[in-house]
Amino acid sequence: MMFWKRSATLQIGSRRYDMSNLYFEFDVPFKDSDTLGTASITVHNLADATRKEIVKGTPVILNAGYEGDIGVIFTGKVSRVVDEHSDTEWITKITGVEALEEWLSSEVNKTYAENSTSSAIINDLLTMFGLEVGTMELVEDKTYPRGRVCKGKVKDVLKEIITLDCKSRFLIRNGTVIISDPAAGQDMGYELSASTGLLRADTETSDTETTTNQTTQSKEEKTPTYTRRCLLNYHLNPADVITIKSQTLNGKYLLVAGSHKGKPDGDWVTEIEVKPA
């Protein structure tokens, strides 16, 4: 991977820009949870007509990486846009949200027959939801002997069935639904080491190499999590299992949270929080 040659593209509506001819910066946090992914994008000196075209609901696609190897780190729609005039330039601040319309608008009012299963109901609801399904692996497939009434926003009903009834993970990642075991992840075969982009500071007190937080899983159990920084890597996503090889961490770890951050003349990093897989 050519780490030294940064590359990024930003599509807003029908207009597509390259970082080589438009200055923009981004912060795309991600988390292993059923909350919607967001992105904060700041663009400098868009044309007046272009700024006026950016409204709530405008599609946004952000790709980032390196020359010859870039990938999607955010797909969604504009939820908020603010234009600010500073000295001689216009600064446009965009907040994007994944699956905005599907999340807010899709509703259901349906009764499923006796002995319906969770998997059958979920598949039907996902059809209404309108998003692509990447993984569908339920921990438990519950049967409803008396049937089940589903009423309300599709996203709320899906969350209840998947997380409560089926004890499973419900995650939307770059416009794709992931349903899987929350105690496990997808082993993508990625390795982070000094040679593949893992960053570390000169001292052992740096949060890139030694910080440990405590994440409470239950009243009885606490699992340590570790924060690390690496060169921006669009491959890293929530619920992925990766291999880390460093002075203090060696083995497989589950990504629980993080962020992709970048700008042409500053940070170009992916920050991750992991726990032992």
C-alpha atoms as a PDB file:
ATOM      1  CA  MET A   1       0.000   0.000   0.000  1.00  0.00           C
ATOM      2  CA  MET A   2       1.366   3.416  -0.962  1.00  0.00           C
ATOM      3  CA  PHE A   3       0.870   5.304   2.289  1.00  0.00           C
ATOM      4  CA  TRP A   4       2.562   8.482   1.119  1.00  0.00           C
ATOM      5  CA  LYS A   5       0.165   9.380  -1.743  1.00  0.00           C
ATOM      6  CA  ARG A   6      -3.147  10.429  -0.186  1.00  0.00           C
ATOM      7  CA  SER A   7      -6.285  10.247  -2.275  1.00  0.00           C
ATOM      8  CA  ALA A   8      -9.949  10.991  -1.587  1.00  0.00           C
ATOM      9  CA  THR A   9     -13.131  11.725  -3.499  1.00  0.00           C
ATOM     10  CA  LEU A  10     -16.330  13.368  -2.301  1.00  0.00           C
ATOM     11  CA  GLN A  11     -19.655  13.039  -4.071  1.00  0.00           C
ATOM     12  CA  ILE A  12     -22.465  15.383  -3.071  1.00  0.00           C
ATOM     13  CA  GLY A  13     -25.600  14.831  -5.085  1.00  0.00           C
ATOM     14  CA  SER A  14     -24.570  14.511  -8.739  1.00  0.00           C
ATOM     15  CA  ARG A  15     -21.291  16.411  -8.276  1.00  0.00           C
ATOM     16  CA  ARG A  16     -18.063  14.537  -7.626  1.00  0.00           C
ATOM     17  CA  TYR A  17     -14.850  16.137  -6.380  1.00  0.00           C
ATOM     18  CA  ASP A  18     -11.282  14.962  -5.929  1.00  0.00           C
ATOM     19  CA  MET A  19      -9.171  16.179  -3.022  1.00  0.00           C
ATOM     20  CA  SER A  20      -6.502  17.218  -5.504  1.00  0.00           C
ATOM     21  CA  ASN A  21      -8.741  20.010  -6.824  1.00  0.00           C
ATOM     22  CA  LEU A  22     -11.021  20.765  -3.851  1.00  0.00           C
ATOM     23  CA  TYR A  23      -9.946  21.237  -0.240  1.00  0.00           C
ATOM     24  CA  PHE A  24     -12.083  19.176   2.141  1.00  0.00           C
ATOM     25  CA  GLU A  25     -11.545  17.425   5.451  1.00  0.00           C
ATOM     26  CA  PHE A  26     -13.540  14.725   7.200  1.00  0.00           C
ATOM     27  CA  ASP A  27     -14.151  12.918  10.476  1.00  0.00           C
ATOM     28  CA  VAL A  28     -16.129   9.676  10.203  1.00  0.00           C
ATOM     29  CA  PRO A  29     -16.685   7.961  13.569  1.00  0.00           C
ATOM     30  CA  PHE A  30     -17.884   4.366  13.719  1.00  0.00           C
ATOM     31  CA  LYS A  31     -19.136   2.108  16.494  1.00  0.00           C
ATOM     32  CA  ASP A  32     -20.268  -1.474  16.983  1.00  0.00           C
ATOM     33  CA  SER A  33     -23.855  -0.547  17.873  1.00  0.00           C
ATOM     34  CA  ASP A  34     -27.282  -0.043  16.321  1.00  0.00           C
ATOM     35  CA  THR A  35     -26.836   3.743  16.221  1.00  0.00           C
ATOM     36  CA  LEU A  36     -26.600   5.305  12.779  1.00  0.00           C
ATOM     37  CA  GLY A  37     -23.176   6.162  11.408  1.00  0.00           C
ATOM     38  CA  THR A  38     -22.415   9.849  10.871  1.00  0.00           C
ATOM     39  CA  ALA A  39     -19.822  11.941   9.069  1.00  0.00           C
ATOM     40  CA  SER A  40     -18.594  15.504   9.528  1.00  0.00           C
ATOM     41  CA  ILE A  41     -17.233  16.989   6.314  1.00  0.00           C
ATOM     42  CA  THR A  42     -15.854  20.506   5.886  1.00  0.00           C
ATOM     43  CA  VAL A  43     -15.478  21.837   2.345  1.00  0.00           C
ATOM     44  CA  HIS A  44     -13.744  25.072   1.357  1.00  0.00           C
ATOM     45  CA  ASN A  45     -14.792  27.460  -1.419  1.00  0.00           C
ATOM     46  CA  LEU A  46     -17.607  25.653  -3.159  1.00  0.00           C
ATOM     47  CA  ALA A  47     -19.262  27.670  -5.902  1.00  0.00           C
ATOM     48  CA  ASP A  48     -22.327  29.627  -4.819  1.00  0.00           C
ATOM     49  CA  ALA A  49     -24.639  27.578  -7.056  1.00  0.00           C
ATOM     50  CA  THR A  50     -23.219  24.343  -5.661  1.00  0.00           C
ATOM     51  CA  ARG A  51     -23.702  25.449  -2.046  1.00  0.00           C
ATOM     52  CA  LYS A  52     -27.347  26.198  -2.752  1.00  0.00           C
ATOM     53  CA  GLU A  53     -27.859  22.674  -4.108  1.00  0.00           C
ATOM     54  CA  ILE A  54     -26.788  21.025  -0.854  1.00  0.00           C
ATOM     55  CA  VAL A  55     -29.877  20.470   1.276  1.00  0.00           C
ATOM     56  CA  LYS A  56     -31.124  17.907   3.758  1.00  0.00           C
ATOM     57  CA  GLY A  57     -31.447  14.559   2.011  1.00  0.00           C
ATOM     58  CA  THR A  58     -28.751  15.168  -0.607  1.00  0.00           C
ATOM     59  CA  PRO A  59     -26.745  11.929  -1.118  1.00  0.00           C
ATOM     60  CA  VAL A  60     -23.136  11.939   0.129  1.00  0.00           C
ATOM     61  CA  ILE A  61     -20.423   9.375  -0.670  1.00  0.00           C
ATOM     62  CA  LEU A  62     -16.899   9.715   0.720  1.00  0.00           C
ATOM     63  CA  ASN A  63     -13.973   7.580  -0.457  1.00  0.00           C
ATOM     64  CA  ALA A  64     -10.484   7.799   1.008  1.00  0.00           C
ATOM     65  CA  GLY A  65      -7.189   5.972   0.925  1.00  0.00           C
ATOM     66  CA  TYR A  66      -4.076   6.169  -1.210  1.00  0.00           C
ATOM     67  CA  GLU A  67      -3.329   6.464  -4.887  1.00  0.00           C
ATOM     68  CA  GLY A  68      -4.438   3.204  -6.461  1.00  0.00           C
ATOM     69  CA  ASP A  69      -6.200   1.975  -3.327  1.00  0.00           C
ATOM     70  CA  ILE A  70      -9.194   3.965  -2.081  1.00  0.00           C
ATOM     71  CA  GLY A  71     -12.493   2.742  -0.680  1.00  0.00           C
ATOM     72  CA  VAL A  72     -15.786   3.911   0.786  1.00  0.00           C
ATOM     73  CA  ILE A  73     -15.720   5.188   4.372  1.00  0.00           C
ATOM     74  CA  PHE A  74     -19.164   6.812   4.344  1.00  0.00           C
ATOM     75  CA  THR A  75     -22.394   6.488   2.389  1.00  0.00           C
ATOM     76  CA  GLY A  76     -25.406   8.478   3.496  1.00  0.00           C
ATOM     77  CA  LYS A  77     -27.351  11.690   3.111  1.00  0.00           C
ATOM     78  CA  VAL A  78     -27.032  15.248   4.344  1.00  0.00           C
ATOM     79  CA  SER A  79     -28.814  15.815   7.654  1.00  0.00           C
ATOM     80  CA  ARG A  80     -27.473  19.345   8.261  1.00  0.00           C
ATOM     81  CA  VAL A  81     -25.475  21.913   6.312  1.00  0.00           C
ATOM     82  CA  VAL A  82     -24.081  25.272   7.417  1.00  0.00           C
ATOM     83  CA  ASP A  83     -22.265  27.834   5.246  1.00  0.00           C
ATOM     84  CA  GLU A  84     -19.857  30.232   6.927  1.00  0.00           C
ATOM     85  CA  HIS A  85     -17.976  33.147   5.391  1.00  0.00           C
ATOM     86  CA  SER A  86     -14.450  33.547   6.747  1.00  0.00           C
ATOM     87  CA  ASP A  87     -12.225  36.322   5.387  1.00  0.00           C
ATOM     88  CA  THR A  88     -11.989  35.568   1.666  1.00  0.00           C
ATOM     89  CA  GLU A  89     -13.410  32.048   1.613  1.00  0.00           C
ATOM     90  CA  TRP A  90     -16.636  30.125   2.137  1.00  0.00           C
ATOM     91  CA  ILE A  91     -16.603  27.154   4.466  1.00  0.00           C
ATOM     92  CA  THR A  92     -19.386  24.591   4.124  1.00  0.00           C
ATOM     93  CA  LYS A  93     -19.890  22.243   7.079  1.00  0.00           C
ATOM     94  CA  ILE A  94     -21.865  19.118   6.266  1.00  0.00           C
ATOM     95  CA  THR A  95     -23.223  16.522   8.666  1.00  0.00           C
ATOM     96  CA  GLY A  96     -24.161  13.259   6.992  1.00  0.00           C
ATOM     97  CA  VAL A  97     -26.137  10.316   8.379  1.00  0.00           C
ATOM     98  CA  GLU A  98     -26.355   6.756   7.059  1.00  0.00           C
ATOM     99  CA  ALA A  99     -29.742   5.383   5.980  1.00  0.00           C
ATOM    100  CA  LEU A 100     -31.423   8.660   6.967  1.00  0.00           C
ATOM    101  CA  GLU A 101     -34.718   8.225   5.105  1.00  0.00           C
ATOM    102  CA  GLU A 102     -35.001   4.501   5.814  1.00  0.00           C
ATOM    103  CA  TRP A 103     -34.336   5.103   9.498  1.00  0.00           C
ATOM    104  CA  LEU A 104     -36.799   7.956   9.915  1.00  0.00           C
ATOM    105  CA  SER A 105     -39.575   7.171   7.458  1.00  0.00           C
ATOM    106  CA  SER A 106     -40.148   3.425   7.059  1.00  0.00           C
ATOM    107  CA  GLU A 107     -43.121   2.217   9.112  1.00  0.00           C
ATOM    108  CA  VAL A 108     -44.929  -1.093   9.539  1.00  0.00           C
ATOM    109  CA  ASN A 109     -48.350  -2.190  10.800  1.00  0.00           C
ATOM    110  CA  LYS A 110     -48.575  -5.913  10.269  1.00  0.00           C
ATOM    111  CA  THR A 111     -49.585  -9.070  12.127  1.00  0.00           C
ATOM    112  CA  TYR A 112     -47.575 -12.233  11.491  1.00  0.00           C
ATOM    113  CA  ALA A 113     -49.200 -15.668  11.720  1.00  0.00           C
ATOM    114  CA  GLU A 114     -48.902 -18.233  14.484  1.00  0.00           C
ATOM    115  CA  ASN A 115     -45.530 -19.995  14.699  1.00  0.00           C
ATOM    116  CA  SER A 116     -43.812 -17.330  12.639  1.00  0.00           C
ATOM    117  CA  THR A 117     -40.058 -17.224  13.202  1.00  0.00           C
ATOM    118  CA  SER A 118     -37.863 -14.238  13.908  1.00  0.00           C
ATOM    119  CA  SER A 119     -35.825 -14.883  10.767  1.00  0.00           C
ATOM    120  CA  ALA A 120     -38.911 -14.825   8.541  1.00  0.00           C
ATOM    121  CA  ILE A 121     -40.215 -11.620  10.127  1.00  0.00           C
ATOM    122  CA  ILE A 122     -36.790  -9.941   9.967  1.00  0.00           C
ATOM    123  CA  ASN A 123     -36.398 -10.809   6.278  1.00  0.00           C
ATOM    124  CA  ASP A 124     -39.820  -9.317   5.556  1.00  0.00           C
ATOM    125  CA  LEU A 125     -39.064  -6.155   7.531  1.00  0.00           C
ATOM    126  CA  LEU A 126     -35.680  -5.757   5.848  1.00  0.00           C
ATOM    127  CA  THR A 127     -37.460  -5.772   2.486  1.00  0.00           C
ATOM    128  CA  MET A 128     -39.538  -2.819   3.706  1.00  0.00           C
ATOM    129  CA  PHE A 129     -36.425  -1.150   5.130  1.00  0.00           C
ATOM    130  CA  GLY A 130     -34.856  -1.040   1.693  1.00  0.00           C
ATOM    131  CA  LEU A 131     -31.182  -1.551   2.593  1.00  0.00           C
ATOM    132  CA  GLU A 132     -28.814  -4.207   1.315  1.00  0.00           C
ATOM    133  CA  VAL A 133     -28.157  -7.077   3.730  1.00  0.00           C
ATOM    134  CA  GLY A 134     -24.509  -8.042   4.108  1.00  0.00           C
ATOM    135  CA  THR A 135     -24.665 -10.623   6.924  1.00  0.00           C
ATOM    136  CA  MET A 136     -27.683 -12.415   8.398  1.00  0.00           C
ATOM    137  CA  GLU A 137     -26.575 -14.694  11.241  1.00  0.00           C
ATOM    138  CA  LEU A 138     -28.939 -14.820  14.230  1.00  0.00           C
ATOM    139  CA  VAL A 139     -27.755 -16.115  17.605  1.00  0.00           C
ATOM    140  CA  GLU A 140     -31.305 -17.321  18.317  1.00  0.00           C
ATOM    141  CA  ASP A 141     -34.181 -17.760  15.873  1.00  0.00           C
ATOM    142  CA  LYS A 142     -37.224 -17.329  18.072  1.00  0.00           C
ATOM    143  CA  THR A 143     -40.607 -18.832  17.211  1.00  0.00           C
ATOM    144  CA  TYR A 144     -43.791 -16.942  18.126  1.00  0.00           C
ATOM    145  CA  PRO A 145     -46.496 -19.572  18.853  1.00  0.00           C
ATOM    146  CA  ARG A 146     -49.226 -16.913  18.961  1.00  0.00           C
ATOM    147  CA  GLY A 147     -47.816 -14.860  16.124  1.00  0.00           C
ATOM    148  CA  ARG A 148     -46.457 -11.355  16.462  1.00  0.00           C
ATOM    149  CA  VAL A 149     -47.813  -7.856  15.920  1.00  0.00           C
ATOM    150  CA  CYS A 150     -45.285  -5.407  14.449  1.00  0.00           C
ATOM    151  CA  LYS A 151     -46.310  -1.785  14.567  1.00  0.00           C
ATOM    152  CA  GLY A 152     -44.278   1.422  14.415  1.00  0.00           C
ATOM    153  CA  LYS A 153     -41.071   2.462  12.732  1.00  0.00           C
ATOM    154  CA  VAL A 154     -39.401  -0.444  10.988  1.00  0.00           C
ATOM    155  CA  LYS A 155     -36.042   0.379  12.564  1.00  0.00           C
ATOM    156  CA  ASP A 156     -37.521   0.194  16.087  1.00  0.00           C
ATOM    157  CA  VAL A 157     -39.227  -3.130  15.426  1.00  0.00           C
ATOM    158  CA  LEU A 158     -36.063  -4.556  13.840  1.00  0.00           C
ATOM    159  CA  LYS A 159     -33.930  -3.444  16.794  1.00  0.00           C
ATOM    160  CA  GLU A 160     -36.343  -5.052  19.272  1.00  0.00           C
ATOM    161  CA  ILE A 161     -36.547  -8.397  17.469  1.00  0.00           C
ATOM    162  CA  ILE A 162     -32.853  -8.645  16.556  1.00  0.00           C
ATOM    163  CA  THR A 163     -31.277  -7.429  19.791  1.00  0.00           C
ATOM    164  CA  LEU A 164     -33.819  -8.545  22.410  1.00  0.00           C
ATOM    165  CA  ASP A 165     -35.529 -11.609  20.949  1.00  0.00           C
ATOM    166  CA  CYS A 166     -32.583 -12.949  18.963  1.00  0.00           C
ATOM    167  CA  LYS A 167     -29.707 -11.709  21.170  1.00  0.00           C
ATOM    168  CA  SER A 168     -27.904 -10.513  18.038  1.00  0.00           C
ATOM    169  CA  ARG A 169     -26.001  -7.499  16.714  1.00  0.00           C
ATOM    170  CA  PHE A 170     -27.851  -5.005  14.494  1.00  0.00           C
ATOM    171  CA  LEU A 171     -25.427  -2.776  12.640  1.00  0.00           C
ATOM    172  CA  ILE A 172     -25.693  -0.538   9.573  1.00  0.00           C
ATOM    173  CA  ARG A 173     -22.309  -0.114   7.918  1.00  0.00           C
ATOM    174  CA  ASN A 174     -21.942   1.983   4.767  1.00  0.00           C
ATOM    175  CA  GLY A 175     -25.563   1.399   3.850  1.00  0.00           C
ATOM    176  CA  THR A 176     -25.400  -2.357   4.491  1.00  0.00           C
ATOM    177  CA  VAL A 177     -27.181  -4.215   7.300  1.00  0.00           C
ATOM    178  CA  ILE A 178     -25.051  -6.533   9.445  1.00  0.00           C
ATOM    179  CA  ILE A 179     -26.834  -9.023  11.741  1.00  0.00           C
ATOM    180  CA  SER A 180     -24.495 -11.290  13.682  1.00  0.00           C
ATOM    181  CA  ASP A 181     -23.309 -12.569  17.055  1.00  0.00           C
ATOM    182  CA  PRO A 182     -22.391  -9.523  19.228  1.00  0.00           C
ATOM    183  CA  ALA A 183     -19.699 -11.565  20.975  1.00  0.00           C
ATOM    184  CA  ALA A 184     -17.952 -12.276  17.689  1.00  0.00           C
ATOM    185  CA  GLY A 185     -16.902 -10.373  14.605  1.00  0.00           C
ATOM    186  CA  GLN A 186     -15.981 -10.841  10.978  1.00  0.00           C
ATOM    187  CA  ASP A 187     -12.382 -11.916  10.540  1.00  0.00           C
ATOM    188  CA  MET A 188     -11.336  -9.978   7.458  1.00  0.00           C
ATOM    189  CA  GLY A 189      -7.734 -11.122   7.612  1.00  0.00           C
ATOM    190  CA  TYR A 190      -6.335  -7.625   8.151  1.00  0.00           C
ATOM    191  CA  GLU A 191      -3.122  -7.174  10.112  1.00  0.00           C
ATOM    192  CA  LEU A 192      -1.877  -4.001  11.806  1.00  0.00           C
ATOM    193  CA  SER A 193       1.823  -3.738  12.517  1.00  0.00           C
ATOM    194  CA  ALA A 194       4.547  -1.153  12.130  1.00  0.00           C
ATOM    195  CA  SER A 195       5.063  -2.322   8.547  1.00  0.00           C
ATOM    196  CA  THR A 196       1.370  -2.079   7.633  1.00  0.00           C
ATOM    197  CA  GLY A 197       0.622   1.345   9.098  1.00  0.00           C
ATOM    198  CA  LEU A 198       0.332   1.001  12.889  1.00  0.00           C
ATOM    199  CA  LEU A 199       1.541   4.212  14.504  1.00  0.00           C
ATOM    200  CA  ARG A 200       3.277   4.495  17.844  1.00  0.00           C
ATOM    201  CA  ALA A 201       4.844   7.337  19.775  1.00  0.00           C
ATOM    202  CA  ASP A 202       8.340   7.610  21.202  1.00  0.00           C
ATOM    203  CA  THR A 203       7.174   6.942  24.761  1.00  0.00           C
ATOM    204  CA  GLU A 204       5.242   4.082  26.297  1.00  0.00           C
ATOM    205  CA  THR A 205       2.724   6.519  27.809  1.00  0.00           C
ATOM    206  CA  SER A 206       1.226   7.365  24.445  1.00  0.00           C
ATOM    207  CA  ASP A 207      -2.393   6.414  23.903  1.00  0.00           C
ATOM    208  CA  THR A 208      -1.363   4.854  20.612  1.00  0.00           C
ATOM    209  CA  GLU A 209       0.346   2.038  22.413  1.00  0.00           C
ATOM    210  CA  THR A 210      -0.630   1.699  26.068  1.00  0.00           C
ATOM    211  CA  THR A 211      -3.931   3.348  26.978  1.00  0.00           C
ATOM    212  CA  THR A 212      -6.470   0.912  28.428  1.00  0.00           C
ATOM    213  CA  ASN A 213     -10.087   1.859  29.082  1.00  0.00           C
ATOM    214  CA  GLN A 214     -12.642  -0.189  30.984  1.00  0.00           C
ATOM    215  CA  THR A 215     -15.855  -0.991  29.137  1.00  0.00           C
ATOM    216  CA  THR A 216     -18.587  -2.498  31.303  1.00  0.00           C
ATOM    217  CA  GLN A 217     -20.265  -5.475  29.677  1.00  0.00           C
ATOM    218  CA  SER A 218     -22.258  -6.458  32.756  1.00  0.00           C
ATOM    219  CA  LYS A 219     -22.230  -5.892  36.479  1.00  0.00           C
ATOM    220  CA  GLU A 220     -20.070  -8.978  36.940  1.00  0.00           C
ATOM    221  CA  GLU A 221     -17.673  -8.660  34.017  1.00  0.00           C
ATOM    222  CA  LYS A 222     -15.376  -5.965  32.674  1.00  0.00           C
ATOM    223  CA  THR A 223     -13.416  -6.298  29.468  1.00  0.00           C
ATOM    224  CA  PRO A 224     -10.445  -4.005  28.817  1.00  0.00           C
ATOM    225  CA  THR A 225     -10.353  -2.070  25.570  1.00  0.00           C
ATOM    226  CA  TYR A 226      -7.305  -0.560  23.909  1.00  0.00           C
ATOM    227  CA  THR A 227      -6.966   2.460  21.655  1.00  0.00           C
ATOM    228  CA  ARG A 228      -4.571   2.536  18.715  1.00  0.00           C
ATOM    229  CA  ARG A 229      -3.828   4.785  15.749  1.00  0.00           C
ATOM    230  CA  CYS A 230      -2.753   3.785  12.278  1.00  0.00           C
ATOM    231  CA  LEU A 231      -2.405   5.377   8.887  1.00  0.00           C
ATOM    232  CA  LEU A 232      -5.870   5.853   7.415  1.00  0.00           C
ATOM    233  CA  ASN A 233      -7.241   2.433   6.476  1.00  0.00           C
ATOM    234  CA  TYR A 234     -10.700   2.305   4.895  1.00  0.00           C
ATOM    235  CA  HIS A 235     -10.752  -1.485   5.356  1.00  0.00           C
ATOM    236  CA  LEU A 236     -11.243  -1.127   9.131  1.00  0.00           C
ATOM    237  CA  ASN A 237     -14.879  -1.180  10.218  1.00  0.00           C
ATOM    238  CA  PRO A 238     -16.874  -1.865  13.391  1.00  0.00           C
ATOM    239  CA  ALA A 239     -17.291  -5.543  14.346  1.00  0.00           C
ATOM    240  CA  ASP A 240     -14.257  -6.560  12.279  1.00  0.00           C
ATOM    241  CA  VAL A 241     -11.703  -8.912  13.809  1.00  0.00           C
ATOM    242  CA  ILE A 242      -8.135  -7.898  13.015  1.00  0.00           C
ATOM    243  CA  THR A 243      -4.652  -9.024  14.006  1.00  0.00           C
ATOM    244  CA  ILE A 244      -2.445  -6.516  15.843  1.00  0.00           C
ATOM    245  CA  LYS A 245       1.292  -7.019  16.164  1.00  0.00           C
ATOM    246  CA  SER A 246       3.053  -4.464  18.341  1.00  0.00           C
ATOM    247  CA  GLN A 247       5.260  -4.181  21.383  1.00  0.00           C
ATOM    248  CA  THR A 248       2.333  -4.495  23.785  1.00  0.00           C
ATOM    249  CA  LEU A 249      -0.470  -6.119  21.788  1.00  0.00           C
ATOM    250  CA  ASN A 250      -0.215  -9.354  19.858  1.00  0.00           C
ATOM    251  CA  GLY A 251      -3.207 -11.359  18.718  1.00  0.00           C
ATOM    252  CA  LYS A 252      -6.723 -10.996  17.363  1.00  0.00           C
ATOM    253  CA  TYR A 253      -8.922  -8.088  18.443  1.00  0.00           C
ATOM    254  CA  LEU A 254     -12.505  -6.992  17.802  1.00  0.00           C
ATOM    255  CA  LEU A 255     -13.056  -3.404  16.625  1.00  0.00           C
ATOM    256  CA  VAL A 256     -15.668  -1.809  18.900  1.00  0.00           C
ATOM    257  CA  ALA A 257     -15.290   1.836  17.837  1.00  0.00           C
ATOM    258  CA  GLY A 258     -13.073   4.281  16.027  1.00  0.00           C
ATOM    259  CA  SER A 259     -12.923   7.020  13.423  1.00  0.00           C
ATOM    260  CA  HIS A 260     -11.424   7.844  10.043  1.00  0.00           C
ATOM    261  CA  LYS A 261      -9.955  11.352   9.956  1.00  0.00           C
ATOM    262  CA  GLY A 262      -8.289  13.170   7.124  1.00  0.00           C
ATOM    263  CA  LYS A 263      -7.397  16.445   5.448  1.00  0.00           C
ATOM    264  CA  PRO A 264      -4.915  17.250   2.679  1.00  0.00           C
ATOM    265  CA  ASP A 265      -2.339  18.936   4.909  1.00  0.00           C
ATOM    266  CA  GLY A 266      -2.962  17.321   8.302  1.00  0.00           C
ATOM    267  CA  ASP A 267      -4.016  14.056   9.942  1.00  0.00           C
ATOM    268  CA  TRP A 268      -4.647  11.064   7.716  1.00  0.00           C
ATOM    269  CA  VAL A 269      -5.356   8.416  10.315  1.00  0.00           C
ATOM    270  CA  THR A 270      -7.744   5.776  11.524  1.00  0.00           C
ATOM    271  CA  GLU A 271      -8.193   5.645  15.290  1.00  0.00           C
ATOM    272  CA  ILE A 272      -9.575   2.397  16.704  1.00  0.00           C
ATOM    273  CA  GLU A 273     -10.771   0.995  19.995  1.00  0.00           C
ATOM    274  CA  VAL A 274     -10.419  -2.775  20.272  1.00  0.00           C
ATOM    275  CA  LYS A 275     -10.952  -5.595  22.730  1.00  0.00           C
ATOM    276  CA  PRO A 276      -9.619  -9.169  22.714  1.00  0.00           C
ATOM    277  CA  ALA A 277     -11.535 -11.306  20.222  1.00  0.00           C
END
